[in-house]
Amino acid sequence: MKKILITLSICLLATLQTVNAEEKYNHFPSLKPSDLQTAFCNIQTYNEKMTAITIKENLSAQDMVKVHELTYTLENSVNFFKATLEDVSVNLEKVHRASEKLDQEIIKSSGQKYLETTSLLLNKNNC
């Protein structure tokens, strides 16, 4: 019984290490944006590349691999937007609550953060 438990433990440990290694493995290099401008430009550039492929009537295996490659950078940029919008939401909620309490300092500080970020989202970005 002891040998069975030891063997099962070793197998489980080996399986967990394999799964963990696979999760960290990226098939293709990707760009990670450090700011909204870069995220916008990555999406614009990579959407153009994806459009050129997806408008084809039939996709080759090479086309599908290229789309797979493009998605790494696109996912990074979309996730950057997601995190940025979460911050926008948090700051707006702070402004909302502060306005209920007539807290001028929080309205000003969080309001400024909210306005700065949303202005970047609304401005036309030149890539």
N, C-alpha and C. Protein backbone atom coordinates (compact mmCIF):
# COMPACT_ATOMS: atom_id res chain seq x y z
N MET A 1 0.82 -1.19 0.00
CA MET A 1 0.00 0.00 0.00
C MET A 1 0.87 1.26 0.00
N LYS A 2 1.97 1.21 0.78
CA LYS A 2 2.86 2.34 0.86
C LYS A 2 3.52 2.62 -0.50
N LYS A 3 3.90 1.54 -1.21
CA LYS A 3 4.51 1.69 -2.53
C LYS A 3 3.52 2.31 -3.53
N ILE A 4 2.27 1.92 -3.43
CA ILE A 4 1.25 2.46 -4.33
C ILE A 4 1.09 3.96 -4.09
N LEU A 5 1.03 4.39 -2.85
CA LEU A 5 0.88 5.81 -2.52
C LEU A 5 2.09 6.61 -2.99
N ILE A 6 3.28 6.06 -2.81
CA ILE A 6 4.49 6.74 -3.27
C ILE A 6 4.49 6.86 -4.79
N THR A 7 4.12 5.79 -5.48
CA THR A 7 4.07 5.81 -6.94
C THR A 7 3.04 6.81 -7.43
N LEU A 8 1.85 6.83 -6.83
CA LEU A 8 0.81 7.78 -7.20
C LEU A 8 1.26 9.22 -6.96
N SER A 9 1.94 9.44 -5.87
CA SER A 9 2.44 10.78 -5.55
C SER A 9 3.45 11.25 -6.59
N ILE A 10 4.36 10.36 -6.96
CA ILE A 10 5.36 10.69 -7.97
C ILE A 10 4.69 11.00 -9.30
N CYS A 11 3.72 10.19 -9.69
CA CYS A 11 3.00 10.41 -10.95
C CYS A 11 2.24 11.73 -10.93
N LEU A 12 1.60 12.03 -9.81
CA LEU A 12 0.86 13.27 -9.69
C LEU A 12 1.79 14.46 -9.77
N LEU A 13 2.92 14.40 -9.10
CA LEU A 13 3.90 15.48 -9.13
C LEU A 13 4.43 15.69 -10.56
N ALA A 14 4.73 14.63 -11.25
CA ALA A 14 5.22 14.73 -12.63
C ALA A 14 4.15 15.35 -13.53
N THR A 15 2.90 14.96 -13.34
CA THR A 15 1.81 15.51 -14.15
C THR A 15 1.64 17.00 -13.89
N LEU A 16 1.68 17.40 -12.63
CA LEU A 16 1.52 18.83 -12.30
C LEU A 16 2.65 19.66 -12.88
N GLN A 17 3.86 19.15 -12.87
CA GLN A 17 4.98 19.88 -13.43
C GLN A 17 4.84 20.00 -14.94
N THR A 18 4.34 18.98 -15.61
CA THR A 18 4.14 19.02 -17.05
C THR A 18 3.07 20.03 -17.41
N VAL A 19 1.95 20.03 -16.69
CA VAL A 19 0.87 20.98 -16.96
C VAL A 19 1.36 22.39 -16.75
N ASN A 20 2.08 22.65 -15.68
CA ASN A 20 2.59 23.97 -15.40
C ASN A 20 3.54 24.44 -16.49
N ALA A 21 4.40 23.56 -16.98
CA ALA A 21 5.33 23.92 -18.05
C ALA A 21 4.57 24.26 -19.33
N GLU A 22 3.50 23.53 -19.62
CA GLU A 22 2.72 23.80 -20.82
C GLU A 22 2.00 25.13 -20.74
N GLU A 23 1.52 25.50 -19.57
CA GLU A 23 0.81 26.76 -19.41
C GLU A 23 1.72 27.95 -19.65
N LYS A 24 3.00 27.84 -19.33
CA LYS A 24 3.95 28.93 -19.49
C LYS A 24 4.50 29.02 -20.92
N TYR A 25 4.27 28.03 -21.72
CA TYR A 25 4.84 27.97 -23.04
C TYR A 25 4.03 28.82 -24.02
N ASN A 26 4.68 29.73 -24.70
CA ASN A 26 4.04 30.51 -25.75
C ASN A 26 4.55 30.00 -27.09
N HIS A 27 3.63 29.79 -28.00
CA HIS A 27 4.01 29.28 -29.31
C HIS A 27 4.72 30.34 -30.15
N PHE A 28 4.27 31.59 -30.03
CA PHE A 28 4.82 32.66 -30.84
C PHE A 28 5.15 33.86 -29.95
N PRO A 29 6.13 34.65 -30.38
CA PRO A 29 6.40 35.88 -29.62
C PRO A 29 5.23 36.85 -29.78
N SER A 30 5.06 37.71 -28.79
CA SER A 30 3.98 38.67 -28.87
C SER A 30 4.42 40.00 -28.30
N LEU A 31 3.69 41.04 -28.68
CA LEU A 31 3.95 42.37 -28.16
C LEU A 31 3.04 42.62 -26.96
N LYS A 32 3.60 43.21 -25.92
CA LYS A 32 2.81 43.56 -24.74
C LYS A 32 2.83 45.08 -24.61
N PRO A 33 1.67 45.69 -24.65
CA PRO A 33 1.63 47.16 -24.57
C PRO A 33 1.96 47.65 -23.17
N SER A 34 2.62 48.80 -23.11
CA SER A 34 2.92 49.42 -21.82
C SER A 34 2.04 50.64 -21.58
N ASP A 35 1.29 51.04 -22.63
CA ASP A 35 0.39 52.17 -22.49
C ASP A 35 -0.77 52.03 -23.48
N LEU A 36 -1.76 52.90 -23.35
CA LEU A 36 -2.94 52.81 -24.21
C LEU A 36 -2.63 53.05 -25.68
N GLN A 37 -1.74 54.01 -25.95
CA GLN A 37 -1.37 54.30 -27.34
C GLN A 37 -0.82 53.05 -28.02
N THR A 38 0.06 52.35 -27.35
CA THR A 38 0.65 51.14 -27.90
C THR A 38 -0.41 50.06 -28.08
N ALA A 39 -1.30 49.93 -27.11
CA ALA A 39 -2.37 48.94 -27.21
C ALA A 39 -3.26 49.24 -28.42
N PHE A 40 -3.63 50.50 -28.60
CA PHE A 40 -4.42 50.89 -29.76
C PHE A 40 -3.70 50.55 -31.07
N CYS A 41 -2.44 50.92 -31.12
CA CYS A 41 -1.67 50.68 -32.35
C CYS A 41 -1.50 49.20 -32.63
N ASN A 42 -1.27 48.40 -31.59
CA ASN A 42 -1.17 46.96 -31.79
C ASN A 42 -2.47 46.40 -32.36
N ILE A 43 -3.58 46.82 -31.79
CA ILE A 43 -4.87 46.32 -32.28
C ILE A 43 -5.11 46.78 -33.71
N GLN A 44 -4.82 48.03 -34.00
CA GLN A 44 -5.02 48.52 -35.37
C GLN A 44 -4.17 47.74 -36.37
N THR A 45 -2.90 47.59 -36.07
CA THR A 45 -1.99 46.90 -36.98
C THR A 45 -2.35 45.42 -37.14
N TYR A 46 -2.61 44.75 -36.04
CA TYR A 46 -2.88 43.32 -36.10
C TYR A 46 -4.29 43.03 -36.61
N ASN A 47 -5.24 43.95 -36.40
CA ASN A 47 -6.56 43.78 -37.00
C ASN A 47 -6.48 43.86 -38.52
N GLU A 48 -5.65 44.76 -39.02
CA GLU A 48 -5.47 44.87 -40.48
C GLU A 48 -4.92 43.55 -41.04
N LYS A 49 -3.96 42.99 -40.34
CA LYS A 49 -3.38 41.71 -40.78
C LYS A 49 -4.41 40.59 -40.72
N MET A 50 -5.21 40.58 -39.64
CA MET A 50 -6.22 39.54 -39.51
C MET A 50 -7.33 39.72 -40.56
N THR A 51 -7.69 40.95 -40.83
CA THR A 51 -8.70 41.21 -41.86
C THR A 51 -8.26 40.69 -43.21
N ALA A 52 -7.00 40.94 -43.55
CA ALA A 52 -6.47 40.48 -44.84
C ALA A 52 -6.57 38.97 -44.98
N ILE A 53 -6.49 38.28 -43.87
CA ILE A 53 -6.58 36.82 -43.91
C ILE A 53 -8.03 36.36 -43.88
N THR A 54 -8.82 36.92 -42.98
CA THR A 54 -10.18 36.40 -42.77
C THR A 54 -11.16 36.76 -43.88
N ILE A 55 -10.81 37.72 -44.73
CA ILE A 55 -11.72 38.03 -45.85
C ILE A 55 -11.59 37.03 -47.00
N LYS A 56 -10.57 36.20 -46.93
CA LYS A 56 -10.40 35.19 -47.98
C LYS A 56 -11.54 34.18 -47.92
N GLU A 57 -11.93 33.70 -49.08
CA GLU A 57 -13.00 32.70 -49.12
C GLU A 57 -12.59 31.41 -48.42
N ASN A 58 -11.38 30.96 -48.68
CA ASN A 58 -10.86 29.75 -48.05
C ASN A 58 -9.53 30.06 -47.38
N LEU A 59 -9.38 29.56 -46.17
CA LEU A 59 -8.15 29.79 -45.44
C LEU A 59 -7.26 28.56 -45.52
N SER A 60 -6.00 28.80 -45.81
CA SER A 60 -5.03 27.70 -45.84
C SER A 60 -4.59 27.42 -44.41
N ALA A 61 -3.88 26.33 -44.25
CA ALA A 61 -3.32 26.01 -42.94
C ALA A 61 -2.36 27.11 -42.50
N GLN A 62 -1.61 27.63 -43.45
CA GLN A 62 -0.67 28.72 -43.14
C GLN A 62 -1.43 29.97 -42.68
N ASP A 63 -2.57 30.27 -43.30
CA ASP A 63 -3.40 31.40 -42.88
C ASP A 63 -3.86 31.23 -41.43
N MET A 64 -4.30 30.03 -41.11
CA MET A 64 -4.82 29.78 -39.77
C MET A 64 -3.71 29.85 -38.72
N VAL A 65 -2.51 29.40 -39.07
CA VAL A 65 -1.38 29.51 -38.16
C VAL A 65 -1.03 30.99 -37.96
N LYS A 66 -1.09 31.77 -39.02
CA LYS A 66 -0.80 33.20 -38.92
C LYS A 66 -1.82 33.89 -38.01
N VAL A 67 -3.10 33.53 -38.14
CA VAL A 67 -4.13 34.09 -37.26
C VAL A 67 -3.82 33.72 -35.81
N HIS A 68 -3.44 32.48 -35.60
CA HIS A 68 -3.08 32.02 -34.26
C HIS A 68 -1.95 32.88 -33.69
N GLU A 69 -0.96 33.16 -34.51
CA GLU A 69 0.18 33.98 -34.10
C GLU A 69 -0.28 35.40 -33.76
N LEU A 70 -1.15 35.97 -34.58
CA LEU A 70 -1.63 37.33 -34.35
C LEU A 70 -2.40 37.46 -33.04
N THR A 71 -3.10 36.41 -32.67
CA THR A 71 -3.96 36.50 -31.48
C THR A 71 -3.17 36.73 -30.19
N TYR A 72 -1.92 36.33 -30.14
CA TYR A 72 -1.15 36.55 -28.93
C TYR A 72 -1.01 38.04 -28.62
N THR A 73 -0.62 38.83 -29.61
CA THR A 73 -0.48 40.27 -29.41
C THR A 73 -1.85 40.91 -29.21
N LEU A 74 -2.84 40.46 -29.98
CA LEU A 74 -4.19 41.02 -29.81
C LEU A 74 -4.73 40.75 -28.42
N GLU A 75 -4.55 39.56 -27.91
CA GLU A 75 -5.02 39.24 -26.56
C GLU A 75 -4.31 40.11 -25.52
N ASN A 76 -3.02 40.32 -25.68
CA ASN A 76 -2.29 41.18 -24.74
C ASN A 76 -2.86 42.59 -24.74
N SER A 77 -3.17 43.12 -25.92
CA SER A 77 -3.70 44.48 -26.02
C SER A 77 -5.12 44.56 -25.47
N VAL A 78 -5.95 43.59 -25.78
CA VAL A 78 -7.32 43.57 -25.25
C VAL A 78 -7.28 43.46 -23.73
N ASN A 79 -6.42 42.63 -23.20
CA ASN A 79 -6.30 42.49 -21.75
C ASN A 79 -5.79 43.78 -21.10
N PHE A 80 -4.93 44.51 -21.82
CA PHE A 80 -4.48 45.81 -21.32
C PHE A 80 -5.65 46.77 -21.23
N PHE A 81 -6.51 46.77 -22.27
CA PHE A 81 -7.73 47.60 -22.23
C PHE A 81 -8.62 47.20 -21.07
N LYS A 82 -8.78 45.92 -20.89
CA LYS A 82 -9.64 45.41 -19.82
C LYS A 82 -9.15 45.93 -18.47
N ALA A 83 -7.86 45.83 -18.21
CA ALA A 83 -7.30 46.31 -16.95
C ALA A 83 -7.45 47.83 -16.83
N THR A 84 -7.24 48.53 -17.93
CA THR A 84 -7.38 49.99 -17.93
C THR A 84 -8.82 50.40 -17.63
N LEU A 85 -9.76 49.70 -18.27
CA LEU A 85 -11.17 50.02 -18.03
C LEU A 85 -11.59 49.68 -16.61
N GLU A 86 -10.98 48.68 -16.04
CA GLU A 86 -11.26 48.36 -14.63
C GLU A 86 -10.81 49.52 -13.75
N ASP A 87 -9.63 50.08 -14.04
CA ASP A 87 -9.15 51.24 -13.29
C ASP A 87 -10.08 52.44 -13.48
N VAL A 88 -10.54 52.65 -14.72
CA VAL A 88 -11.48 53.73 -15.00
C VAL A 88 -12.75 53.56 -14.16
N SER A 89 -13.24 52.35 -14.14
CA SER A 89 -14.46 52.05 -13.37
C SER A 89 -14.26 52.32 -11.88
N VAL A 90 -13.12 51.92 -11.35
CA VAL A 90 -12.83 52.13 -9.92
C VAL A 90 -12.77 53.63 -9.62
N ASN A 91 -12.09 54.39 -10.46
CA ASN A 91 -11.99 55.83 -10.22
C ASN A 91 -13.33 56.52 -10.35
N LEU A 92 -14.13 56.12 -11.31
CA LEU A 92 -15.45 56.71 -11.46
C LEU A 92 -16.32 56.40 -10.24
N GLU A 93 -16.24 55.19 -9.73
CA GLU A 93 -17.01 54.82 -8.54
C GLU A 93 -16.55 55.65 -7.33
N LYS A 94 -15.25 55.90 -7.23
CA LYS A 94 -14.75 56.76 -6.15
C LYS A 94 -15.33 58.16 -6.26
N VAL A 95 -15.38 58.69 -7.48
CA VAL A 95 -15.96 60.01 -7.71
C VAL A 95 -17.44 60.00 -7.34
N HIS A 96 -18.13 58.98 -7.75
CA HIS A 96 -19.56 58.86 -7.46
C HIS A 96 -19.81 58.88 -5.95
N ARG A 97 -19.09 58.03 -5.25
CA ARG A 97 -19.27 57.95 -3.78
C ARG A 97 -18.84 59.24 -3.09
N ALA A 98 -17.76 59.82 -3.58
CA ALA A 98 -17.28 61.07 -2.99
C ALA A 98 -18.29 62.20 -3.20
N SER A 99 -18.96 62.18 -4.35
CA SER A 99 -19.95 63.22 -4.60
C SER A 99 -21.14 63.11 -3.64
N GLU A 100 -21.43 61.89 -3.22
CA GLU A 100 -22.51 61.68 -2.24
C GLU A 100 -22.11 62.22 -0.86
N LYS A 101 -20.81 62.19 -0.59
CA LYS A 101 -20.31 62.63 0.72
C LYS A 101 -19.75 64.06 0.68
N LEU A 102 -19.82 64.66 -0.50
CA LEU A 102 -19.28 66.00 -0.71
C LEU A 102 -17.79 66.07 -0.38
N ASP A 103 -17.05 65.03 -0.79
CA ASP A 103 -15.61 64.93 -0.53
C ASP A 103 -14.84 65.49 -1.73
N GLN A 104 -14.50 66.76 -1.60
CA GLN A 104 -13.87 67.48 -2.70
C GLN A 104 -12.53 66.88 -3.12
N GLU A 105 -11.71 66.45 -2.18
CA GLU A 105 -10.38 65.92 -2.50
C GLU A 105 -10.46 64.66 -3.36
N ILE A 106 -11.31 63.73 -2.99
CA ILE A 106 -11.44 62.49 -3.77
C ILE A 106 -12.06 62.79 -5.13
N ILE A 107 -13.03 63.69 -5.15
CA ILE A 107 -13.64 64.06 -6.43
C ILE A 107 -12.56 64.59 -7.37
N LYS A 108 -11.70 65.45 -6.85
CA LYS A 108 -10.65 66.03 -7.69
C LYS A 108 -9.61 64.99 -8.11
N SER A 109 -9.09 64.22 -7.15
CA SER A 109 -8.00 63.28 -7.47
C SER A 109 -8.48 62.13 -8.35
N SER A 110 -9.55 61.47 -7.94
CA SER A 110 -10.05 60.33 -8.73
C SER A 110 -10.71 60.81 -10.01
N GLY A 111 -11.34 61.99 -9.95
CA GLY A 111 -11.94 62.56 -11.15
C GLY A 111 -10.89 62.86 -12.21
N GLN A 112 -9.75 63.37 -11.78
CA GLN A 112 -8.67 63.66 -12.72
C GLN A 112 -8.13 62.38 -13.36
N LYS A 113 -7.95 61.34 -12.56
CA LYS A 113 -7.48 60.06 -13.10
C LYS A 113 -8.49 59.51 -14.11
N TYR A 114 -9.77 59.58 -13.74
CA TYR A 114 -10.83 59.11 -14.65
C TYR A 114 -10.79 59.89 -15.96
N LEU A 115 -10.73 61.21 -15.87
CA LEU A 115 -10.75 62.05 -17.07
C LEU A 115 -9.51 61.85 -17.95
N GLU A 116 -8.36 61.71 -17.33
CA GLU A 116 -7.12 61.49 -18.10
C GLU A 116 -7.20 60.21 -18.92
N THR A 117 -7.63 59.14 -18.27
CA THR A 117 -7.68 57.85 -18.96
C THR A 117 -8.76 57.83 -20.02
N THR A 118 -9.94 58.34 -19.70
CA THR A 118 -11.01 58.31 -20.71
C THR A 118 -10.70 59.24 -21.88
N SER A 119 -9.95 60.30 -21.63
CA SER A 119 -9.58 61.16 -22.77
C SER A 119 -8.66 60.41 -23.72
N LEU A 120 -7.79 59.56 -23.18
CA LEU A 120 -6.93 58.73 -24.04
C LEU A 120 -7.76 57.72 -24.84
N LEU A 121 -8.82 57.22 -24.23
CA LEU A 121 -9.69 56.27 -24.92
C LEU A 121 -10.49 56.95 -26.04
N LEU A 122 -10.81 58.22 -25.84
CA LEU A 122 -11.67 58.93 -26.78
C LEU A 122 -10.90 59.65 -27.89
N ASN A 123 -9.64 59.99 -27.64
CA ASN A 123 -8.84 60.69 -28.65
C ASN A 123 -8.48 59.76 -29.80
N LYS A 124 -8.40 60.37 -30.97
CA LYS A 124 -7.96 59.60 -32.14
C LYS A 124 -6.47 59.32 -31.96
N ASN A 125 -6.12 58.07 -32.06
CA ASN A 125 -4.72 57.68 -31.87
C ASN A 125 -4.04 57.53 -33.22
N ASN A 126 -2.89 58.17 -33.33
CA ASN A 126 -2.10 58.05 -34.54
C ASN A 126 -0.99 57.04 -34.32
N CYS A 127 -1.01 56.04 -35.15
CA CYS A 127 0.01 54.99 -35.01
C CYS A 127 1.10 55.19 -36.04
